[in-house]
Amino acid sequence: MVSFLIAYASWSGNTQEVAELIEETLKYHQIEVTTYRIGMGIIPNPADFDAMLIGSFTWDQGSTPDEVKDFVADVGYKPENVYVFGTGDTQFGGDALFCGAAVKLARFYESAYPPLKIEQSPRGTQEASVKEWTEGVIQHWLHLHE
């Protein structure tokens, strides 16, 4: 069975909500999911999974939060098949800094799939965007492993 790791950091709950929607969509497609809230307990080894989805809020003028940087450092290598999602707020820096952490993580991991960027909470119309992005991730992963 295909298994994905979802690792995310969330302070306000927005990124957690996105992670939960992603998990729900993956499970609907019969993908085994392990969800890990960054900074809480023992870090799962991404090598034990077929793909890793990493999510982060954006902090302080487009920055990646320290706990996410620590997670990346603690993993100690760049796993293959990394997909990135993030939450942000355009009122703090406009489009140039919006979801800067997700953009930086996608660049760092050389993700072959564009990062998902959500304005604050995924509720409402953005919920469909999360599901659509997740289904795209599944299709991308399947295409790579045909």
Protein backbone atom coordinates (compact mmCIF):
# COMPACT_ATOMS: atom_id res chain seq x y z
CA MET A 1 0.00 0.00 0.00
CA VAL A 2 1.12 3.54 -0.75
CA SER A 3 1.91 5.61 2.35
CA PHE A 4 2.43 9.34 2.71
CA LEU A 5 3.76 11.37 5.62
CA ILE A 6 2.13 14.71 6.35
CA ALA A 7 4.38 16.88 8.54
CA TYR A 8 3.12 20.34 9.41
CA ALA A 9 3.57 23.28 11.78
CA SER A 10 0.59 25.31 12.91
CA TRP A 11 0.05 28.02 15.51
CA SER A 12 -3.36 29.43 14.67
CA GLY A 13 -4.82 26.17 13.42
CA ASN A 14 -5.01 27.16 9.73
CA THR A 15 -2.17 24.91 8.56
CA GLN A 16 -3.55 22.10 10.71
CA GLU A 17 -6.94 22.46 8.97
CA VAL A 18 -5.21 22.19 5.59
CA ALA A 19 -3.30 19.11 6.78
CA GLU A 20 -6.56 17.50 7.92
CA LEU A 21 -8.23 18.14 4.55
CA ILE A 22 -5.21 16.69 2.76
CA GLU A 23 -5.29 13.64 5.03
CA GLU A 24 -9.01 13.15 4.38
CA THR A 25 -8.50 13.33 0.61
CA LEU A 26 -5.53 10.94 0.65
CA LYS A 27 -7.44 8.41 2.74
CA TYR A 28 -10.40 8.67 0.36
CA HIS A 29 -7.99 7.52 -2.36
CA GLN A 30 -6.82 4.58 -0.19
CA ILE A 31 -3.45 6.09 0.65
CA GLU A 32 -2.13 5.25 4.11
CA VAL A 33 -1.36 8.45 6.00
CA THR A 34 0.78 9.28 9.02
CA THR A 35 0.32 12.83 10.28
CA TYR A 36 3.00 14.49 12.38
CA ARG A 37 2.70 17.92 13.97
CA ILE A 38 6.18 19.38 13.82
CA GLY A 39 7.71 19.79 17.26
CA MET A 40 5.46 17.20 18.92
CA GLY A 41 7.21 13.93 19.71
CA ILE A 42 9.51 11.67 17.76
CA ILE A 43 10.05 12.66 14.15
CA PRO A 44 8.96 9.96 11.69
CA ASN A 45 11.61 8.99 9.14
CA PRO A 46 10.50 10.22 5.70
CA ALA A 47 12.37 7.25 4.17
CA ASP A 48 9.64 5.00 5.60
CA PHE A 49 7.05 6.64 3.31
CA ASP A 50 6.47 6.90 -0.42
CA ALA A 51 6.15 10.69 -0.22
CA MET A 52 6.26 13.51 2.30
CA LEU A 53 3.88 16.46 2.33
CA ILE A 54 5.24 19.28 4.46
CA GLY A 55 3.18 22.26 5.54
CA SER A 56 4.07 25.52 7.19
CA PHE A 57 2.60 28.86 8.00
CA THR A 58 4.61 31.90 6.94
CA TRP A 59 6.08 34.07 9.63
CA ASP A 60 7.80 37.44 10.01
CA GLN A 61 7.94 39.01 6.55
CA GLY A 62 7.81 35.80 4.51
CA SER A 63 10.02 33.68 6.76
CA THR A 64 9.90 29.98 7.56
CA PRO A 65 9.25 29.35 11.28
CA ASP A 66 12.18 28.10 13.35
CA GLU A 67 10.42 24.84 14.25
CA VAL A 68 10.09 23.97 10.57
CA LYS A 69 13.74 24.80 9.96
CA ASP A 70 14.63 22.58 12.95
CA PHE A 71 12.50 19.75 11.52
CA VAL A 72 14.27 19.99 8.16
CA ALA A 73 17.67 19.98 9.91
CA ASP A 74 16.69 17.07 12.19
CA VAL A 75 15.59 14.94 9.22
CA GLY A 76 19.12 15.50 7.96
CA TYR A 77 18.63 14.81 4.26
CA LYS A 78 16.37 15.78 1.37
CA PRO A 79 13.85 13.00 0.78
CA GLU A 80 12.51 12.43 -2.72
CA ASN A 81 8.86 13.04 -3.54
CA VAL A 82 8.26 16.06 -1.33
CA TYR A 83 5.13 18.16 -1.79
CA VAL A 84 4.66 21.47 0.02
CA PHE A 85 1.62 23.33 1.33
CA GLY A 86 1.34 26.49 3.33
CA THR A 87 -0.87 29.14 4.79
CA GLY A 88 -0.30 32.86 4.86
CA ASP A 89 -1.92 36.24 4.91
CA THR A 90 -1.56 38.75 2.07
CA GLN A 91 -2.23 41.66 4.44
CA PHE A 92 1.30 41.15 5.84
CA GLY A 93 3.55 41.83 2.89
CA GLY A 94 1.24 41.41 -0.08
CA ASP A 95 1.67 38.85 -2.85
CA ALA A 96 5.47 39.07 -2.81
CA LEU A 97 5.69 37.54 0.69
CA PHE A 98 2.47 35.47 0.61
CA CYS A 99 3.20 31.89 1.74
CA GLY A 100 6.92 32.60 1.51
CA ALA A 101 7.71 29.60 3.73
CA ALA A 102 5.94 27.23 1.31
CA VAL A 103 7.78 28.73 -1.66
CA LYS A 104 11.14 28.42 0.12
CA LEU A 105 10.48 24.84 1.21
CA ALA A 106 9.44 23.82 -2.30
CA ARG A 107 12.62 25.35 -3.66
CA PHE A 108 14.77 23.70 -0.96
CA TYR A 109 13.28 20.26 -1.59
CA GLU A 110 13.32 20.81 -5.36
CA SER A 111 9.67 19.79 -5.40
CA ALA A 112 8.49 18.95 -8.91
CA TYR A 113 4.94 20.02 -8.03
CA PRO A 114 3.88 23.60 -7.22
CA PRO A 115 3.23 24.41 -3.56
CA LEU A 116 -0.32 24.91 -2.32
CA LYS A 117 -0.84 28.42 -0.94
CA ILE A 118 -3.88 29.10 1.23
CA GLU A 119 -4.98 32.51 2.49
CA GLN A 120 -5.50 32.02 6.23
CA SER A 121 -8.09 29.23 6.75
CA PRO A 122 -8.99 26.70 4.05
CA ARG A 123 -12.69 27.02 4.86
CA GLY A 124 -15.15 28.02 2.17
CA THR A 125 -14.01 28.15 -1.45
CA GLN A 126 -10.41 27.30 -0.58
CA GLU A 127 -11.44 23.86 0.70
CA ALA A 128 -11.98 22.79 -2.92
CA SER A 129 -8.50 24.11 -3.78
CA VAL A 130 -6.96 21.89 -1.08
CA LYS A 131 -8.75 18.80 -2.38
CA GLU A 132 -7.87 19.61 -6.00
CA TRP A 133 -4.20 20.16 -5.12
CA THR A 134 -4.10 16.90 -3.15
CA GLU A 135 -5.61 14.96 -6.04
CA GLY A 136 -2.99 16.55 -8.29
CA VAL A 137 -0.26 15.38 -5.90
CA ILE A 138 -1.64 11.84 -6.09
CA GLN A 139 -1.71 11.93 -9.89
CA HIS A 140 1.80 13.38 -10.02
CA TRP A 141 3.12 10.69 -7.68
CA LEU A 142 1.37 7.93 -9.64
CA HIS A 143 2.79 9.25 -12.92
CA LEU A 144 6.31 9.18 -11.48
CA HIS A 145 5.84 5.57 -10.34
CA GLU A 146 4.16 3.99 -13.35
